[in-house]
Amino acid sequence: MKKITIKDCFEAIKYKINDGAEYLWTCYGKNAYILDSLNSKGSVAFIFDKKDQTIYELSVCDYVKNTAYKWVNPSFIEKNRKEMKKRGFSEDQAWDSINYQPTDIEKIIKLTKAIANRK
């Protein structure tokens, strides 16, 4: 399986960051940070470890097509599911009635680039 890096994420969004914050859920540990890149067509968010640069999660929301995709690092899927359940969230729900579509690393990077290029 291909490994996704923080460099892949930054390059895919052309280094255009709109927002960032400490990630407050505990499933990814105390060094988790989330960065967002958004425009009129959609948004991209990725959660990573500030110390070792591990990518925990990458999500892409297409506002034009009302679709959403999420990739979670396989090493952290169970921790993510447990915390979502504990907090009363469905792991599939992106927003309103829109559910995340399952995806793999190659597709999520392609979708990330498309949103960054406003396509």
N, C-alpha and C. Protein backbone atom coordinates (compact mmCIF):
# COMPACT_ATOMS: atom_id res chain seq x y z
N MET A 1 0.84 -1.18 0.00
CA MET A 1 0.00 0.00 0.00
C MET A 1 0.89 1.24 0.00
N LYS A 2 0.53 2.19 -0.83
CA LYS A 2 1.25 3.45 -0.90
C LYS A 2 1.05 4.23 0.40
N LYS A 3 2.10 4.89 0.84
CA LYS A 3 2.01 5.72 2.04
C LYS A 3 1.73 7.16 1.62
N ILE A 4 0.82 7.80 2.30
CA ILE A 4 0.52 9.20 2.04
C ILE A 4 1.33 10.05 3.01
N THR A 5 1.90 11.13 2.50
CA THR A 5 2.74 11.99 3.33
C THR A 5 2.13 13.37 3.42
N ILE A 6 2.62 14.14 4.37
CA ILE A 6 2.15 15.52 4.49
C ILE A 6 2.53 16.33 3.25
N LYS A 7 3.65 15.99 2.64
CA LYS A 7 4.07 16.65 1.40
C LYS A 7 3.04 16.40 0.30
N ASP A 8 2.53 15.16 0.20
CA ASP A 8 1.49 14.84 -0.78
C ASP A 8 0.27 15.73 -0.58
N CYS A 9 -0.12 15.90 0.68
CA CYS A 9 -1.30 16.72 1.00
C CYS A 9 -1.06 18.18 0.62
N PHE A 10 0.08 18.73 1.03
CA PHE A 10 0.38 20.13 0.72
C PHE A 10 0.45 20.37 -0.79
N GLU A 11 1.11 19.47 -1.50
CA GLU A 11 1.21 19.62 -2.96
C GLU A 11 -0.14 19.52 -3.63
N ALA A 12 -0.97 18.62 -3.15
CA ALA A 12 -2.30 18.43 -3.75
C ALA A 12 -3.17 19.67 -3.63
N ILE A 13 -3.02 20.41 -2.51
CA ILE A 13 -3.83 21.63 -2.33
C ILE A 13 -3.06 22.89 -2.72
N LYS A 14 -1.90 22.69 -3.34
CA LYS A 14 -1.06 23.80 -3.81
C LYS A 14 -0.68 24.72 -2.66
N TYR A 15 -0.49 24.18 -1.48
CA TYR A 15 -0.06 24.91 -0.29
C TYR A 15 -1.03 26.02 0.12
N LYS A 16 -2.28 25.94 -0.31
CA LYS A 16 -3.28 26.95 0.04
C LYS A 16 -4.04 26.50 1.28
N ILE A 17 -3.66 27.03 2.42
CA ILE A 17 -4.28 26.70 3.70
C ILE A 17 -5.16 27.87 4.12
N ASN A 18 -6.40 27.57 4.51
CA ASN A 18 -7.32 28.60 4.98
C ASN A 18 -7.46 28.62 6.49
N ASP A 19 -7.22 27.47 7.12
CA ASP A 19 -7.46 27.40 8.56
C ASP A 19 -6.71 26.21 9.13
N GLY A 20 -6.45 26.27 10.42
CA GLY A 20 -5.80 25.16 11.10
C GLY A 20 -6.03 25.26 12.60
N ALA A 21 -5.97 24.12 13.28
CA ALA A 21 -6.20 24.11 14.73
C ALA A 21 -5.75 22.78 15.31
N GLU A 22 -5.56 22.79 16.62
CA GLU A 22 -5.31 21.54 17.32
C GLU A 22 -6.53 20.66 17.11
N TYR A 23 -6.32 19.38 16.84
CA TYR A 23 -7.43 18.45 16.69
C TYR A 23 -7.78 17.96 18.08
N LEU A 24 -8.97 18.24 18.53
CA LEU A 24 -9.33 18.03 19.93
C LEU A 24 -9.84 16.64 20.28
N TRP A 25 -10.15 15.82 19.29
CA TRP A 25 -10.53 14.46 19.60
C TRP A 25 -9.27 13.70 20.00
N THR A 26 -9.43 12.65 20.79
CA THR A 26 -8.27 11.93 21.32
C THR A 26 -7.83 10.73 20.48
N CYS A 27 -8.60 10.36 19.49
CA CYS A 27 -8.30 9.13 18.74
C CYS A 27 -6.95 9.16 18.02
N TYR A 28 -6.44 10.33 17.74
CA TYR A 28 -5.16 10.42 17.03
C TYR A 28 -4.02 10.90 17.93
N GLY A 29 -4.27 11.03 19.19
CA GLY A 29 -3.22 11.42 20.13
C GLY A 29 -3.15 12.91 20.37
N LYS A 30 -2.22 13.31 21.22
CA LYS A 30 -2.13 14.70 21.67
C LYS A 30 -1.42 15.63 20.69
N ASN A 31 -0.78 15.10 19.65
CA ASN A 31 -0.06 15.94 18.69
C ASN A 31 -0.82 16.14 17.38
N ALA A 32 -2.09 15.75 17.35
CA ALA A 32 -2.88 15.84 16.12
C ALA A 32 -3.25 17.29 15.82
N TYR A 33 -3.17 17.64 14.55
CA TYR A 33 -3.47 18.99 14.08
C TYR A 33 -4.27 18.85 12.79
N ILE A 34 -5.22 19.75 12.57
CA ILE A 34 -6.04 19.71 11.35
C ILE A 34 -5.81 20.98 10.55
N LEU A 35 -5.64 20.82 9.25
CA LEU A 35 -5.51 21.94 8.33
C LEU A 35 -6.63 21.85 7.30
N ASP A 36 -7.17 23.01 6.93
CA ASP A 36 -8.25 23.08 5.95
C ASP A 36 -7.86 23.95 4.77
N SER A 37 -8.34 23.54 3.61
CA SER A 37 -8.19 24.32 2.40
C SER A 37 -9.56 24.32 1.74
N LEU A 38 -10.11 25.49 1.52
CA LEU A 38 -11.44 25.53 0.92
C LEU A 38 -11.56 26.63 -0.11
N ASN A 39 -12.50 26.40 -1.03
CA ASN A 39 -12.84 27.39 -2.04
C ASN A 39 -14.31 27.21 -2.37
N SER A 40 -14.80 27.89 -3.38
CA SER A 40 -16.23 27.84 -3.69
C SER A 40 -16.69 26.47 -4.18
N LYS A 41 -15.79 25.63 -4.65
CA LYS A 41 -16.14 24.31 -5.18
C LYS A 41 -16.13 23.22 -4.12
N GLY A 42 -15.33 23.39 -3.07
CA GLY A 42 -15.26 22.35 -2.07
C GLY A 42 -14.21 22.62 -1.02
N SER A 43 -13.95 21.60 -0.22
CA SER A 43 -12.96 21.75 0.84
C SER A 43 -12.17 20.46 1.01
N VAL A 44 -10.99 20.64 1.58
CA VAL A 44 -10.10 19.54 1.89
C VAL A 44 -9.65 19.74 3.32
N ALA A 45 -9.64 18.69 4.11
CA ALA A 45 -9.13 18.76 5.48
C ALA A 45 -8.22 17.56 5.70
N PHE A 46 -7.09 17.82 6.31
CA PHE A 46 -6.25 16.69 6.68
C PHE A 46 -5.75 16.84 8.09
N ILE A 47 -5.73 15.70 8.76
CA ILE A 47 -5.32 15.62 10.16
C ILE A 47 -4.01 14.86 10.19
N PHE A 48 -3.04 15.43 10.87
CA PHE A 48 -1.71 14.82 10.90
C PHE A 48 -1.06 15.02 12.26
N ASP A 49 0.01 14.31 12.49
CA ASP A 49 0.76 14.43 13.73
C ASP A 49 1.84 15.49 13.54
N LYS A 50 1.85 16.49 14.43
CA LYS A 50 2.80 17.60 14.31
C LYS A 50 4.24 17.15 14.52
N LYS A 51 4.46 16.07 15.24
CA LYS A 51 5.83 15.64 15.52
C LYS A 51 6.38 14.69 14.47
N ASP A 52 5.64 13.62 14.18
CA ASP A 52 6.20 12.63 13.25
C ASP A 52 5.59 12.70 11.84
N GLN A 53 4.65 13.64 11.62
CA GLN A 53 4.04 13.90 10.31
C GLN A 53 3.13 12.78 9.80
N THR A 54 2.74 11.86 10.66
CA THR A 54 1.80 10.80 10.27
C THR A 54 0.50 11.43 9.80
N ILE A 55 -0.01 10.99 8.66
CA ILE A 55 -1.31 11.43 8.19
C ILE A 55 -2.34 10.48 8.78
N TYR A 56 -3.28 11.03 9.54
CA TYR A 56 -4.32 10.22 10.16
C TYR A 56 -5.57 10.14 9.30
N GLU A 57 -5.93 11.27 8.71
CA GLU A 57 -7.21 11.33 7.99
C GLU A 57 -7.15 12.42 6.93
N LEU A 58 -7.80 12.16 5.81
CA LEU A 58 -7.90 13.13 4.73
C LEU A 58 -9.34 13.08 4.22
N SER A 59 -10.01 14.23 4.20
CA SER A 59 -11.38 14.27 3.70
C SER A 59 -11.52 15.35 2.63
N VAL A 60 -12.39 15.05 1.67
CA VAL A 60 -12.64 15.96 0.55
C VAL A 60 -14.15 16.11 0.41
N CYS A 61 -14.61 17.36 0.37
CA CYS A 61 -16.04 17.64 0.19
C CYS A 61 -16.22 18.43 -1.09
N ASP A 62 -17.05 17.93 -1.98
CA ASP A 62 -17.36 18.58 -3.25
C ASP A 62 -18.74 19.23 -3.09
N TYR A 63 -18.76 20.56 -2.98
CA TYR A 63 -20.02 21.27 -2.74
C TYR A 63 -20.88 21.36 -3.99
N VAL A 64 -20.29 21.25 -5.16
CA VAL A 64 -21.05 21.32 -6.41
C VAL A 64 -21.86 20.03 -6.61
N LYS A 65 -21.20 18.90 -6.38
CA LYS A 65 -21.86 17.61 -6.58
C LYS A 65 -22.46 17.03 -5.30
N ASN A 66 -22.31 17.76 -4.18
CA ASN A 66 -22.80 17.28 -2.88
C ASN A 66 -22.30 15.87 -2.58
N THR A 67 -20.99 15.71 -2.70
CA THR A 67 -20.38 14.43 -2.38
C THR A 67 -19.21 14.66 -1.43
N ALA A 68 -18.88 13.64 -0.70
CA ALA A 68 -17.78 13.73 0.26
C ALA A 68 -17.04 12.39 0.29
N TYR A 69 -15.74 12.49 0.50
CA TYR A 69 -14.89 11.31 0.55
C TYR A 69 -13.98 11.43 1.75
N LYS A 70 -13.69 10.28 2.37
CA LYS A 70 -12.80 10.29 3.53
C LYS A 70 -11.91 9.06 3.50
N TRP A 71 -10.64 9.31 3.76
CA TRP A 71 -9.67 8.22 3.93
C TRP A 71 -9.13 8.33 5.34
N VAL A 72 -9.12 7.21 6.06
CA VAL A 72 -8.55 7.17 7.40
C VAL A 72 -7.39 6.18 7.36
N ASN A 73 -6.28 6.59 7.94
CA ASN A 73 -5.11 5.73 8.03
C ASN A 73 -5.54 4.39 8.64
N PRO A 74 -5.28 3.27 7.95
CA PRO A 74 -5.72 1.96 8.45
C PRO A 74 -5.28 1.65 9.88
N SER A 75 -4.15 2.20 10.30
CA SER A 75 -3.67 1.95 11.67
C SER A 75 -4.52 2.63 12.73
N PHE A 76 -5.41 3.55 12.31
CA PHE A 76 -6.20 4.33 13.27
C PHE A 76 -7.70 4.21 13.06
N ILE A 77 -8.13 3.34 12.16
CA ILE A 77 -9.56 3.22 11.87
C ILE A 77 -10.37 2.85 13.11
N GLU A 78 -9.93 1.86 13.85
CA GLU A 78 -10.70 1.43 15.03
C GLU A 78 -10.77 2.52 16.09
N LYS A 79 -9.68 3.22 16.33
CA LYS A 79 -9.70 4.32 17.31
C LYS A 79 -10.66 5.40 16.86
N ASN A 80 -10.65 5.71 15.56
CA ASN A 80 -11.56 6.72 15.01
C ASN A 80 -13.00 6.28 15.18
N ARG A 81 -13.31 5.04 14.84
CA ARG A 81 -14.69 4.52 14.96
C ARG A 81 -15.18 4.58 16.39
N LYS A 82 -14.33 4.16 17.33
CA LYS A 82 -14.72 4.17 18.74
C LYS A 82 -15.03 5.58 19.22
N GLU A 83 -14.21 6.54 18.83
CA GLU A 83 -14.47 7.91 19.29
C GLU A 83 -15.70 8.50 18.62
N MET A 84 -15.92 8.19 17.35
CA MET A 84 -17.12 8.68 16.68
C MET A 84 -18.37 8.14 17.38
N LYS A 85 -18.33 6.86 17.69
CA LYS A 85 -19.47 6.24 18.37
C LYS A 85 -19.67 6.87 19.75
N LYS A 86 -18.58 7.04 20.48
CA LYS A 86 -18.64 7.64 21.82
C LYS A 86 -19.24 9.05 21.77
N ARG A 87 -18.95 9.78 20.71
CA ARG A 87 -19.45 11.15 20.57
C ARG A 87 -20.81 11.23 19.86
N GLY A 88 -21.35 10.08 19.46
CA GLY A 88 -22.68 10.05 18.86
C GLY A 88 -22.72 10.39 17.38
N PHE A 89 -21.61 10.19 16.69
CA PHE A 89 -21.54 10.47 15.26
C PHE A 89 -21.53 9.17 14.47
N SER A 90 -22.11 9.22 13.28
CA SER A 90 -21.99 8.11 12.34
C SER A 90 -20.68 8.31 11.60
N GLU A 91 -19.91 7.24 11.44
CA GLU A 91 -18.62 7.38 10.77
C GLU A 91 -18.78 7.74 9.30
N ASP A 92 -19.97 7.55 8.75
CA ASP A 92 -20.21 7.85 7.35
C ASP A 92 -20.71 9.27 7.09
N GLN A 93 -21.25 9.93 8.10
CA GLN A 93 -21.90 11.22 7.87
C GLN A 93 -20.89 12.35 7.71
N ALA A 94 -21.01 13.04 6.56
CA ALA A 94 -20.17 14.21 6.29
C ALA A 94 -20.88 15.48 6.76
N TRP A 95 -22.06 15.74 6.21
CA TRP A 95 -22.89 16.86 6.65
C TRP A 95 -24.33 16.57 6.22
N ASP A 96 -25.28 17.11 6.96
CA ASP A 96 -26.70 16.91 6.68
C ASP A 96 -26.95 15.46 6.28
N SER A 97 -27.51 15.23 5.08
CA SER A 97 -27.80 13.87 4.63
C SER A 97 -26.70 13.32 3.71
N ILE A 98 -25.58 13.99 3.64
CA ILE A 98 -24.46 13.58 2.77
C ILE A 98 -23.52 12.66 3.55
N ASN A 99 -23.31 11.47 3.00
CA ASN A 99 -22.39 10.51 3.62
C ASN A 99 -21.06 10.48 2.89
N TYR A 100 -20.02 10.18 3.64
CA TYR A 100 -18.70 10.00 3.03
C TYR A 100 -18.73 8.75 2.17
N GLN A 101 -18.10 8.83 1.03
CA GLN A 101 -17.92 7.68 0.15
C GLN A 101 -16.57 7.05 0.49
N PRO A 102 -16.50 5.74 0.52
CA PRO A 102 -15.20 5.11 0.78
C PRO A 102 -14.25 5.36 -0.38
N THR A 103 -12.97 5.42 -0.08
CA THR A 103 -11.99 5.69 -1.12
C THR A 103 -10.63 5.14 -0.71
N ASP A 104 -9.73 5.12 -1.66
CA ASP A 104 -8.37 4.69 -1.36
C ASP A 104 -7.43 5.90 -1.49
N ILE A 105 -6.17 5.67 -1.21
CA ILE A 105 -5.20 6.77 -1.19
C ILE A 105 -5.09 7.46 -2.55
N GLU A 106 -4.97 6.69 -3.61
CA GLU A 106 -4.80 7.28 -4.94
C GLU A 106 -5.99 8.16 -5.31
N LYS A 107 -7.19 7.65 -5.05
CA LYS A 107 -8.40 8.42 -5.42
C LYS A 107 -8.54 9.67 -4.56
N ILE A 108 -8.25 9.59 -3.26
CA ILE A 108 -8.42 10.76 -2.40
C ILE A 108 -7.43 11.87 -2.80
N ILE A 109 -6.23 11.50 -3.20
CA ILE A 109 -5.26 12.50 -3.66
C ILE A 109 -5.75 13.13 -4.97
N LYS A 110 -6.28 12.32 -5.87
CA LYS A 110 -6.82 12.84 -7.14
C LYS A 110 -7.98 13.81 -6.87
N LEU A 111 -8.88 13.43 -5.97
CA LEU A 111 -10.01 14.30 -5.62
C LEU A 111 -9.53 15.59 -4.94
N THR A 112 -8.52 15.47 -4.10
CA THR A 112 -7.96 16.64 -3.43
C THR A 112 -7.42 17.63 -4.45
N LYS A 113 -6.70 17.12 -5.43
CA LYS A 113 -6.16 17.99 -6.49
C LYS A 113 -7.27 18.65 -7.29
N ALA A 114 -8.34 17.90 -7.57
CA ALA A 114 -9.46 18.45 -8.34
C ALA A 114 -10.12 19.61 -7.59
N ILE A 115 -10.31 19.46 -6.28
CA ILE A 115 -10.92 20.55 -5.49
C ILE A 115 -9.96 21.75 -5.47
N ALA A 116 -8.68 21.50 -5.29
CA ALA A 116 -7.70 22.60 -5.26
C ALA A 116 -7.67 23.34 -6.59
N ASN A 117 -7.91 22.62 -7.69
CA ASN A 117 -7.93 23.23 -9.02
C ASN A 117 -9.31 23.72 -9.43
N ARG A 118 -10.26 23.64 -8.46
CA ARG A 118 -11.64 24.09 -8.67
C ARG A 118 -12.33 23.37 -9.83
N LYS A 119 -12.07 22.09 -9.95
CA LYS A 119 -12.69 21.27 -11.01
C LYS A 119 -13.74 20.36 -10.43
